[in-house]
């Protein structure tokens, strides 16, 4: 059974699979249905790692249809205690440029109708989201990224929109005026569901564009899927390099609040 266990989870695509030694693909069933796809488990730098493409291998799940609860619960069932969640985002501020990475520390939820908790009763449970991302993993990601020559933004607020459409210019201008930093479609409820399972979670946001061109140079075109994919492919190697180094250097033990997130969350 040990080959079906992992300590670190990564929500990523098939580009990571070539890095894993002793790859085993596992189909996991959860109380919330199946996750987005089979999970690849293997070893990197002596650490057991589980990889799951959040959109599915064929990118069959749009952001609002991803089975977030099943994905997180599947990781928990495999023994995962840390999750690295890279994703593509649009920049809302001029100083955050395409190709930069942002390691977010806050979020704004603008989604609707997503299954965003494991706690529907019978015990009322209120997990604090004041610190939604693991500070230990955040600091490690920033440190390693800078060592590798990546422009890293330490902290930032991501606004998660429902999707699958991109923002209107009016929405994007509003987000910018509010001082938020990046916009994407998948951070929520992935981050909070991990916290509800007492799993440490870190987001690494890869800037692929200036959202709808609102804060870009005059005459810039609105974001397109084609442009997002182009920048993503250009920076895939940097994302993988950062994650692989993180896996090697993540502390063996946990002393962060994530590990006891439910301690004071229950009423009764």
C-alpha atoms as a PDB file:
ATOM      1  CA  UNK A   1       0.000   0.000   0.000  1.00  0.00           C
ATOM      2  CA  UNK A   2       2.941   2.386   0.531  1.00  0.00           C
ATOM      3  CA  UNK A   3       3.231   2.956  -3.209  1.00  0.00           C
ATOM      4  CA  UNK A   4      -0.321   4.346  -3.115  1.00  0.00           C
ATOM      5  CA  UNK A   5       0.520   6.974  -0.499  1.00  0.00           C
ATOM      6  CA  UNK A   6       2.003  10.457  -0.887  1.00  0.00           C
ATOM      7  CA  UNK A   7       2.927  13.359   1.376  1.00  0.00           C
ATOM      8  CA  UNK A   8       2.934  16.206  -1.171  1.00  0.00           C
ATOM      9  CA  UNK A   9       0.249  16.961  -3.742  1.00  0.00           C
ATOM     10  CA  UNK A  10       0.501  19.074  -6.885  1.00  0.00           C
ATOM     11  CA  UNK A  11      -2.360  20.261  -9.050  1.00  0.00           C
ATOM     12  CA  UNK A  12      -0.665  20.282 -12.432  1.00  0.00           C
ATOM     13  CA  UNK A  13      -0.736  18.914 -15.935  1.00  0.00           C
ATOM     14  CA  UNK A  14       0.896  15.985 -17.673  1.00  0.00           C
ATOM     15  CA  UNK A  15       4.106  17.976 -18.122  1.00  0.00           C
ATOM     16  CA  UNK A  16       5.082  17.018 -14.578  1.00  0.00           C
ATOM     17  CA  UNK A  17       4.731  13.280 -15.058  1.00  0.00           C
ATOM     18  CA  UNK A  18       8.099  12.866 -16.787  1.00  0.00           C
ATOM     19  CA  UNK A  19       9.792  14.058 -13.590  1.00  0.00           C
ATOM     20  CA  UNK A  20       8.417  11.252 -11.408  1.00  0.00           C
ATOM     21  CA  UNK A  21      10.309   8.066 -10.626  1.00  0.00           C
ATOM     22  CA  UNK A  22       8.293   4.854 -10.323  1.00  0.00           C
ATOM     23  CA  UNK A  23       5.104   6.415 -11.664  1.00  0.00           C
ATOM     24  CA  UNK A  24       1.842   4.707 -10.700  1.00  0.00           C
ATOM     25  CA  UNK A  25      -1.548   5.981 -11.826  1.00  0.00           C
ATOM     26  CA  UNK A  26      -4.303   5.489  -9.254  1.00  0.00           C
ATOM     27  CA  UNK A  27      -8.061   5.810  -9.583  1.00  0.00           C
ATOM     28  CA  UNK A  28      -9.423   7.224  -6.321  1.00  0.00           C
ATOM     29  CA  UNK A  29     -13.071   7.181  -5.245  1.00  0.00           C
ATOM     30  CA  UNK A  30     -14.291   9.749  -2.723  1.00  0.00           C
ATOM     31  CA  UNK A  31     -17.561  10.495  -0.898  1.00  0.00           C
ATOM     32  CA  UNK A  32     -17.855  13.471  -3.302  1.00  0.00           C
ATOM     33  CA  UNK A  33     -17.496  11.487  -6.490  1.00  0.00           C
ATOM     34  CA  UNK A  34     -14.382  10.928  -8.612  1.00  0.00           C
ATOM     35  CA  UNK A  35     -11.658  13.585  -8.859  1.00  0.00           C
ATOM     36  CA  UNK A  36     -10.822  15.296 -12.143  1.00  0.00           C
ATOM     37  CA  UNK A  37      -8.732  12.346 -13.350  1.00  0.00           C
ATOM     38  CA  UNK A  38      -6.549   9.474 -12.225  1.00  0.00           C
ATOM     39  CA  UNK A  39      -3.778  10.564  -9.856  1.00  0.00           C
ATOM     40  CA  UNK A  40      -0.121   9.943 -10.705  1.00  0.00           C
ATOM     41  CA  UNK A  41       1.976   8.946  -7.682  1.00  0.00           C
ATOM     42  CA  UNK A  42       5.738   8.632  -7.641  1.00  0.00           C
ATOM     43  CA  UNK A  43       8.979   9.907  -6.118  1.00  0.00           C
ATOM     44  CA  UNK A  44      10.843  13.183  -6.560  1.00  0.00           C
ATOM     45  CA  UNK A  45      14.011  13.797  -4.512  1.00  0.00           C
ATOM     46  CA  UNK A  46      13.015  10.973  -2.171  1.00  0.00           C
ATOM     47  CA  UNK A  47       9.571  12.447  -1.469  1.00  0.00           C
ATOM     48  CA  UNK A  48       6.308  10.741  -2.381  1.00  0.00           C
ATOM     49  CA  UNK A  49       4.306  13.074  -4.608  1.00  0.00           C
ATOM     50  CA  UNK A  50       0.776  12.918  -6.050  1.00  0.00           C
ATOM     51  CA  UNK A  51      -0.055  14.835  -9.250  1.00  0.00           C
ATOM     52  CA  UNK A  52      -3.593  15.608 -10.380  1.00  0.00           C
ATOM     53  CA  UNK A  53      -4.560  17.783 -13.377  1.00  0.00           C
ATOM     54  CA  UNK A  54      -7.368  19.905 -11.904  1.00  0.00           C
ATOM     55  CA  UNK A  55      -9.045  20.321 -15.301  1.00  0.00           C
ATOM     56  CA  UNK A  56      -8.476  16.661 -16.250  1.00  0.00           C
ATOM     57  CA  UNK A  57      -5.850  15.376 -18.673  1.00  0.00           C
ATOM     58  CA  UNK A  58      -7.935  16.435 -21.664  1.00  0.00           C
ATOM     59  CA  UNK A  59      -8.867  19.749 -20.020  1.00  0.00           C
ATOM     60  CA  UNK A  60     -12.442  18.503 -19.974  1.00  0.00           C
ATOM     61  CA  UNK A  61     -13.560  20.398 -16.854  1.00  0.00           C
ATOM     62  CA  UNK A  62     -14.114  24.164 -17.168  1.00  0.00           C
ATOM     63  CA  UNK A  63     -13.329  26.092 -13.974  1.00  0.00           C
ATOM     64  CA  UNK A  64     -16.894  26.185 -12.634  1.00  0.00           C
ATOM     65  CA  UNK A  65     -17.335  22.413 -13.130  1.00  0.00           C
ATOM     66  CA  UNK A  66     -14.103  21.147 -11.534  1.00  0.00           C
ATOM     67  CA  UNK A  67     -14.901  18.630  -8.748  1.00  0.00           C
ATOM     68  CA  UNK A  68     -12.965  20.601  -6.150  1.00  0.00           C
ATOM     69  CA  UNK A  69     -14.190  18.630  -3.118  1.00  0.00           C
ATOM     70  CA  UNK A  70     -13.367  15.297  -4.731  1.00  0.00           C
ATOM     71  CA  UNK A  71      -9.899  16.550  -5.748  1.00  0.00           C
ATOM     72  CA  UNK A  72      -8.988  17.697  -2.242  1.00  0.00           C
ATOM     73  CA  UNK A  73     -10.526  14.681  -0.539  1.00  0.00           C
ATOM     74  CA  UNK A  74      -8.654  12.323  -2.868  1.00  0.00           C
ATOM     75  CA  UNK A  75      -5.385  13.972  -1.845  1.00  0.00           C
ATOM     76  CA  UNK A  76      -6.335  13.602   1.823  1.00  0.00           C
ATOM     77  CA  UNK A  77      -7.141   9.915   1.326  1.00  0.00           C
ATOM     78  CA  UNK A  78      -3.670   9.392  -0.142  1.00  0.00           C
ATOM     79  CA  UNK A  79      -2.034  10.916   2.952  1.00  0.00           C
ATOM     80  CA  UNK A  80      -1.136  14.289   1.440  1.00  0.00           C
ATOM     81  CA  UNK A  81      -0.416  17.043   3.994  1.00  0.00           C
ATOM     82  CA  UNK A  82       0.919  19.738   1.621  1.00  0.00           C
ATOM     83  CA  UNK A  83      -0.496  20.900  -1.707  1.00  0.00           C
ATOM     84  CA  UNK A  84       1.177  23.130  -4.290  1.00  0.00           C
ATOM     85  CA  UNK A  85      -1.421  24.766  -6.541  1.00  0.00           C
ATOM     86  CA  UNK A  86       0.078  26.563  -9.549  1.00  0.00           C
ATOM     87  CA  UNK A  87      -2.288  28.289 -11.961  1.00  0.00           C
ATOM     88  CA  UNK A  88      -2.477  30.860 -14.753  1.00  0.00           C
ATOM     89  CA  UNK A  89      -3.714  34.320 -13.821  1.00  0.00           C
ATOM     90  CA  UNK A  90      -4.219  37.746 -15.309  1.00  0.00           C
ATOM     91  CA  UNK A  91      -2.496  40.783 -13.813  1.00  0.00           C
ATOM     92  CA  UNK A  92      -4.571  43.655 -12.457  1.00  0.00           C
ATOM     93  CA  UNK A  93      -1.622  45.951 -11.714  1.00  0.00           C
ATOM     94  CA  UNK A  94       1.014  47.431 -14.041  1.00  0.00           C
ATOM     95  CA  UNK A  95       3.970  46.423 -11.879  1.00  0.00           C
ATOM     96  CA  UNK A  96       2.975  42.751 -12.102  1.00  0.00           C
ATOM     97  CA  UNK A  97       4.052  41.748 -15.584  1.00  0.00           C
ATOM     98  CA  UNK A  98       3.476  38.706 -17.804  1.00  0.00           C
ATOM     99  CA  UNK A  99       6.071  36.072 -16.877  1.00  0.00           C
ATOM    100  CA  UNK A 100       6.180  37.164 -13.211  1.00  0.00           C
ATOM    101  CA  UNK A 101       5.040  34.835 -10.412  1.00  0.00           C
ATOM    102  CA  UNK A 102       2.810  35.919  -7.532  1.00  0.00           C
ATOM    103  CA  UNK A 103       2.664  33.850  -4.338  1.00  0.00           C
ATOM    104  CA  UNK A 104      -0.731  34.963  -3.090  1.00  0.00           C
ATOM    105  CA  UNK A 105      -1.600  35.508   0.567  1.00  0.00           C
ATOM    106  CA  UNK A 106      -5.249  36.604   0.249  1.00  0.00           C
ATOM    107  CA  UNK A 107      -8.257  35.972  -1.987  1.00  0.00           C
ATOM    108  CA  UNK A 108     -11.591  37.497  -2.969  1.00  0.00           C
ATOM    109  CA  UNK A 109     -14.375  35.080  -3.894  1.00  0.00           C
ATOM    110  CA  UNK A 110     -16.541  36.196  -6.833  1.00  0.00           C
ATOM    111  CA  UNK A 111     -17.815  32.711  -7.708  1.00  0.00           C
ATOM    112  CA  UNK A 112     -21.326  31.378  -7.257  1.00  0.00           C
ATOM    113  CA  UNK A 113     -22.882  27.972  -6.743  1.00  0.00           C
ATOM    114  CA  UNK A 114     -19.658  26.039  -6.200  1.00  0.00           C
ATOM    115  CA  UNK A 115     -19.578  23.296  -3.565  1.00  0.00           C
ATOM    116  CA  UNK A 116     -17.159  25.073  -1.246  1.00  0.00           C
ATOM    117  CA  UNK A 117     -17.220  23.217   2.064  1.00  0.00           C
ATOM    118  CA  UNK A 118     -17.016  19.721   3.496  1.00  0.00           C
ATOM    119  CA  UNK A 119     -19.064  20.827   6.510  1.00  0.00           C
ATOM    120  CA  UNK A 120     -22.768  20.755   5.664  1.00  0.00           C
ATOM    121  CA  UNK A 121     -23.641  19.478   9.154  1.00  0.00           C
ATOM    122  CA  UNK A 122     -24.651  18.009  11.503  1.00  0.00           C
ATOM    123  CA  UNK A 123     -21.955  19.905  13.459  1.00  0.00           C
ATOM    124  CA  UNK A 124     -21.570  23.589  12.571  1.00  0.00           C
ATOM    125  CA  UNK A 125     -17.952  24.150  11.547  1.00  0.00           C
ATOM    126  CA  UNK A 126     -16.470  27.572  10.739  1.00  0.00           C
ATOM    127  CA  UNK A 127     -12.871  27.431   9.546  1.00  0.00           C
ATOM    128  CA  UNK A 128     -11.021  30.739   9.729  1.00  0.00           C
ATOM    129  CA  UNK A 129      -9.918  32.026   6.339  1.00  0.00           C
ATOM    130  CA  UNK A 130      -8.004  34.999   7.737  1.00  0.00           C
ATOM    131  CA  UNK A 131      -4.771  33.299   6.631  1.00  0.00           C
ATOM    132  CA  UNK A 132      -5.886  31.089   3.733  1.00  0.00           C
ATOM    133  CA  UNK A 133      -2.434  30.142   2.437  1.00  0.00           C
ATOM    134  CA  UNK A 134       0.363  28.380   4.319  1.00  0.00           C
ATOM    135  CA  UNK A 135       3.004  30.926   5.306  1.00  0.00           C
ATOM    136  CA  UNK A 136       5.726  28.268   5.545  1.00  0.00           C
ATOM    137  CA  UNK A 137       5.162  27.154   1.951  1.00  0.00           C
ATOM    138  CA  UNK A 138       4.674  30.737   0.746  1.00  0.00           C
ATOM    139  CA  UNK A 139       8.042  31.874   2.096  1.00  0.00           C
ATOM    140  CA  UNK A 140       9.749  28.811   0.649  1.00  0.00           C
ATOM    141  CA  UNK A 141       8.252  29.399  -2.809  1.00  0.00           C
ATOM    142  CA  UNK A 142       9.328  33.044  -2.866  1.00  0.00           C
ATOM    143  CA  UNK A 143      12.839  32.189  -1.674  1.00  0.00           C
ATOM    144  CA  UNK A 144      13.390  29.446  -4.256  1.00  0.00           C
ATOM    145  CA  UNK A 145      11.870  31.445  -7.116  1.00  0.00           C
ATOM    146  CA  UNK A 146      14.211  34.358  -6.449  1.00  0.00           C
ATOM    147  CA  UNK A 147      17.183  31.996  -6.236  1.00  0.00           C
ATOM    148  CA  UNK A 148      16.209  30.729  -9.692  1.00  0.00           C
ATOM    149  CA  UNK A 149      16.012  34.218 -11.162  1.00  0.00           C
ATOM    150  CA  UNK A 150      12.223  34.501 -11.371  1.00  0.00           C
ATOM    151  CA  UNK A 151      10.532  37.822 -10.588  1.00  0.00           C
ATOM    152  CA  UNK A 152       8.543  36.834  -7.506  1.00  0.00           C
ATOM    153  CA  UNK A 153       5.864  38.964  -5.848  1.00  0.00           C
ATOM    154  CA  UNK A 154       5.673  38.085  -2.160  1.00  0.00           C
ATOM    155  CA  UNK A 155       1.976  38.257  -1.359  1.00  0.00           C
ATOM    156  CA  UNK A 156      -0.976  39.527  -3.312  1.00  0.00           C
ATOM    157  CA  UNK A 157      -4.734  39.227  -3.477  1.00  0.00           C
ATOM    158  CA  UNK A 158      -6.275  36.995  -6.125  1.00  0.00           C
ATOM    159  CA  UNK A 159      -9.872  37.588  -7.120  1.00  0.00           C
ATOM    160  CA  UNK A 160     -11.488  34.339  -8.235  1.00  0.00           C
ATOM    161  CA  UNK A 161     -14.231  34.798 -10.830  1.00  0.00           C
ATOM    162  CA  UNK A 162     -16.799  32.198 -11.803  1.00  0.00           C
ATOM    163  CA  UNK A 163     -15.765  31.670 -15.420  1.00  0.00           C
ATOM    164  CA  UNK A 164     -15.646  30.231 -17.930  1.00  0.00           C
ATOM    165  CA  UNK A 165     -15.843  33.683 -19.517  1.00  0.00           C
ATOM    166  CA  UNK A 166     -13.093  36.252 -18.955  1.00  0.00           C
ATOM    167  CA  UNK A 167     -13.847  39.544 -17.163  1.00  0.00           C
ATOM    168  CA  UNK A 168     -15.510  42.488 -18.835  1.00  0.00           C
ATOM    169  CA  UNK A 169     -13.471  45.698 -19.019  1.00  0.00           C
ATOM    170  CA  UNK A 170     -15.721  47.226 -16.351  1.00  0.00           C
ATOM    171  CA  UNK A 171     -15.194  44.300 -13.986  1.00  0.00           C
ATOM    172  CA  UNK A 172     -11.445  44.335 -14.536  1.00  0.00           C
ATOM    173  CA  UNK A 173     -11.252  48.092 -13.943  1.00  0.00           C
ATOM    174  CA  UNK A 174     -13.200  47.619 -10.700  1.00  0.00           C
ATOM    175  CA  UNK A 175     -10.834  44.864  -9.525  1.00  0.00           C
ATOM    176  CA  UNK A 176      -7.841  47.094 -10.275  1.00  0.00           C
ATOM    177  CA  UNK A 177      -9.316  50.098  -8.434  1.00  0.00           C
ATOM    178  CA  UNK A 178      -9.951  47.889  -5.410  1.00  0.00           C
ATOM    179  CA  UNK A 179      -6.199  47.232  -5.268  1.00  0.00           C
ATOM    180  CA  UNK A 180      -6.422  43.515  -5.996  1.00  0.00           C
ATOM    181  CA  UNK A 181      -3.451  42.026  -7.790  1.00  0.00           C
ATOM    182  CA  UNK A 182      -4.417  39.066  -9.989  1.00  0.00           C
ATOM    183  CA  UNK A 183      -7.558  37.415 -11.343  1.00  0.00           C
ATOM    184  CA  UNK A 184      -8.243  33.754 -12.051  1.00  0.00           C
ATOM    185  CA  UNK A 185     -11.001  31.113 -12.070  1.00  0.00           C
ATOM    186  CA  UNK A 186      -9.757  28.160  -9.991  1.00  0.00           C
ATOM    187  CA  UNK A 187      -8.267  29.338  -6.684  1.00  0.00           C
ATOM    188  CA  UNK A 188     -11.569  29.196  -4.849  1.00  0.00           C
ATOM    189  CA  UNK A 189     -12.697  26.918  -3.271  1.00  0.00           C
ATOM    190  CA  UNK A 190      -9.565  24.804  -3.789  1.00  0.00           C
ATOM    191  CA  UNK A 191      -7.630  26.802  -1.177  1.00  0.00           C
ATOM    192  CA  UNK A 192     -10.287  26.727   1.547  1.00  0.00           C
ATOM    193  CA  UNK A 193     -11.217  23.091   1.006  1.00  0.00           C
ATOM    194  CA  UNK A 194      -7.568  22.200   1.611  1.00  0.00           C
ATOM    195  CA  UNK A 195      -7.627  24.198   4.843  1.00  0.00           C
ATOM    196  CA  UNK A 196     -10.803  22.392   5.934  1.00  0.00           C
ATOM    197  CA  UNK A 197      -8.870  19.141   5.582  1.00  0.00           C
ATOM    198  CA  UNK A 198      -5.946  20.636   7.558  1.00  0.00           C
ATOM    199  CA  UNK A 199      -3.709  20.451   4.485  1.00  0.00           C
ATOM    200  CA  UNK A 200      -1.092  23.162   3.935  1.00  0.00           C
ATOM    201  CA  UNK A 201      -1.768  24.925   0.632  1.00  0.00           C
ATOM    202  CA  UNK A 202       0.269  27.371  -1.438  1.00  0.00           C
ATOM    203  CA  UNK A 203      -0.672  29.093  -4.665  1.00  0.00           C
ATOM    204  CA  UNK A 204       1.918  29.959  -7.306  1.00  0.00           C
ATOM    205  CA  UNK A 205       0.275  32.296  -9.791  1.00  0.00           C
ATOM    206  CA  UNK A 206       1.913  32.576 -13.207  1.00  0.00           C
ATOM    207  CA  UNK A 207       1.076  35.882 -14.900  1.00  0.00           C
ATOM    208  CA  UNK A 208       0.070  35.157 -18.490  1.00  0.00           C
ATOM    209  CA  UNK A 209      -1.457  38.531 -19.441  1.00  0.00           C
ATOM    210  CA  UNK A 210      -2.750  41.917 -18.329  1.00  0.00           C
ATOM    211  CA  UNK A 211      -6.419  41.178 -17.703  1.00  0.00           C
ATOM    212  CA  UNK A 212      -8.489  42.493 -20.677  1.00  0.00           C
ATOM    213  CA  UNK A 213      -5.800  45.083 -21.283  1.00  0.00           C
ATOM    214  CA  UNK A 214      -7.111  47.568 -18.699  1.00  0.00           C
ATOM    215  CA  UNK A 215      -3.734  48.238 -17.077  1.00  0.00           C
ATOM    216  CA  UNK A 216      -1.579  47.365 -20.090  1.00  0.00           C
ATOM    217  CA  UNK A 217      -0.033  49.829 -22.497  1.00  0.00           C
ATOM    218  CA  UNK A 218      -2.453  51.798 -24.624  1.00  0.00           C
ATOM    219  CA  UNK A 219      -3.784  49.780 -27.541  1.00  0.00           C
ATOM    220  CA  UNK A 220      -3.218  46.385 -25.891  1.00  0.00           C
ATOM    221  CA  UNK A 221      -5.614  43.654 -26.949  1.00  0.00           C
ATOM    222  CA  UNK A 222      -7.918  41.886 -24.459  1.00  0.00           C
ATOM    223  CA  UNK A 223      -6.771  38.495 -23.194  1.00  0.00           C
ATOM    224  CA  UNK A 224      -7.347  35.447 -25.392  1.00  0.00           C
ATOM    225  CA  UNK A 225      -6.986  31.740 -24.677  1.00  0.00           C
ATOM    226  CA  UNK A 226      -4.299  31.580 -27.386  1.00  0.00           C
ATOM    227  CA  UNK A 227      -2.154  34.188 -25.614  1.00  0.00           C
ATOM    228  CA  UNK A 228      -2.572  32.470 -22.232  1.00  0.00           C
ATOM    229  CA  UNK A 229      -1.386  29.164 -23.703  1.00  0.00           C
ATOM    230  CA  UNK A 230       1.577  30.822 -25.454  1.00  0.00           C
ATOM    231  CA  UNK A 231       2.910  32.421 -22.251  1.00  0.00           C
ATOM    232  CA  UNK A 232       2.206  29.277 -20.236  1.00  0.00           C
ATOM    233  CA  UNK A 233       4.241  27.088 -22.587  1.00  0.00           C
ATOM    234  CA  UNK A 234       7.055  29.636 -22.539  1.00  0.00           C
ATOM    235  CA  UNK A 235       7.245  29.480 -18.731  1.00  0.00           C
ATOM    236  CA  UNK A 236       6.403  25.832 -18.061  1.00  0.00           C
ATOM    237  CA  UNK A 237      10.017  24.880 -17.402  1.00  0.00           C
ATOM    238  CA  UNK A 238      10.380  27.632 -14.775  1.00  0.00           C
ATOM    239  CA  UNK A 239       7.221  26.504 -13.002  1.00  0.00           C
ATOM    240  CA  UNK A 240       8.395  22.879 -12.952  1.00  0.00           C
ATOM    241  CA  UNK A 241      11.856  23.834 -11.728  1.00  0.00           C
ATOM    242  CA  UNK A 242      10.411  25.853  -8.864  1.00  0.00           C
ATOM    243  CA  UNK A 243       8.025  23.090  -7.803  1.00  0.00           C
ATOM    244  CA  UNK A 244      10.661  20.351  -7.966  1.00  0.00           C
ATOM    245  CA  UNK A 245      13.002  22.382  -5.737  1.00  0.00           C
ATOM    246  CA  UNK A 246      10.143  23.090  -3.332  1.00  0.00           C
ATOM    247  CA  UNK A 247       9.371  19.384  -3.053  1.00  0.00           C
ATOM    248  CA  UNK A 248      12.976  18.693  -2.070  1.00  0.00           C
ATOM    249  CA  UNK A 249      13.080  21.492   0.540  1.00  0.00           C
ATOM    250  CA  UNK A 250       9.643  21.322   2.167  1.00  0.00           C
ATOM    251  CA  UNK A 251      10.218  20.672   5.900  1.00  0.00           C
ATOM    252  CA  UNK A 252       9.501  17.156   7.106  1.00  0.00           C
ATOM    253  CA  UNK A 253       7.432  18.405  10.064  1.00  0.00           C
ATOM    254  CA  UNK A 254       4.663  21.004  10.240  1.00  0.00           C
ATOM    255  CA  UNK A 255       4.465  23.761  12.833  1.00  0.00           C
ATOM    256  CA  UNK A 256       2.037  26.062  10.987  1.00  0.00           C
ATOM    257  CA  UNK A 257      -1.619  26.793  11.899  1.00  0.00           C
ATOM    258  CA  UNK A 258      -2.848  24.805   8.871  1.00  0.00           C
ATOM    259  CA  UNK A 259      -2.196  21.525  10.679  1.00  0.00           C
ATOM    260  CA  UNK A 260      -4.782  22.393  13.369  1.00  0.00           C
ATOM    261  CA  UNK A 261      -7.256  24.497  11.368  1.00  0.00           C
ATOM    262  CA  UNK A 262     -10.265  22.650  12.844  1.00  0.00           C
ATOM    263  CA  UNK A 263      -9.180  22.959  16.485  1.00  0.00           C
ATOM    264  CA  UNK A 264     -11.393  25.951  17.268  1.00  0.00           C
ATOM    265  CA  UNK A 265     -13.731  25.741  14.272  1.00  0.00           C
ATOM    266  CA  UNK A 266     -16.571  23.644  15.670  1.00  0.00           C
ATOM    267  CA  UNK A 267     -19.652  24.776  17.551  1.00  0.00           C
ATOM    268  CA  UNK A 268     -20.389  21.988  19.969  1.00  0.00           C
END
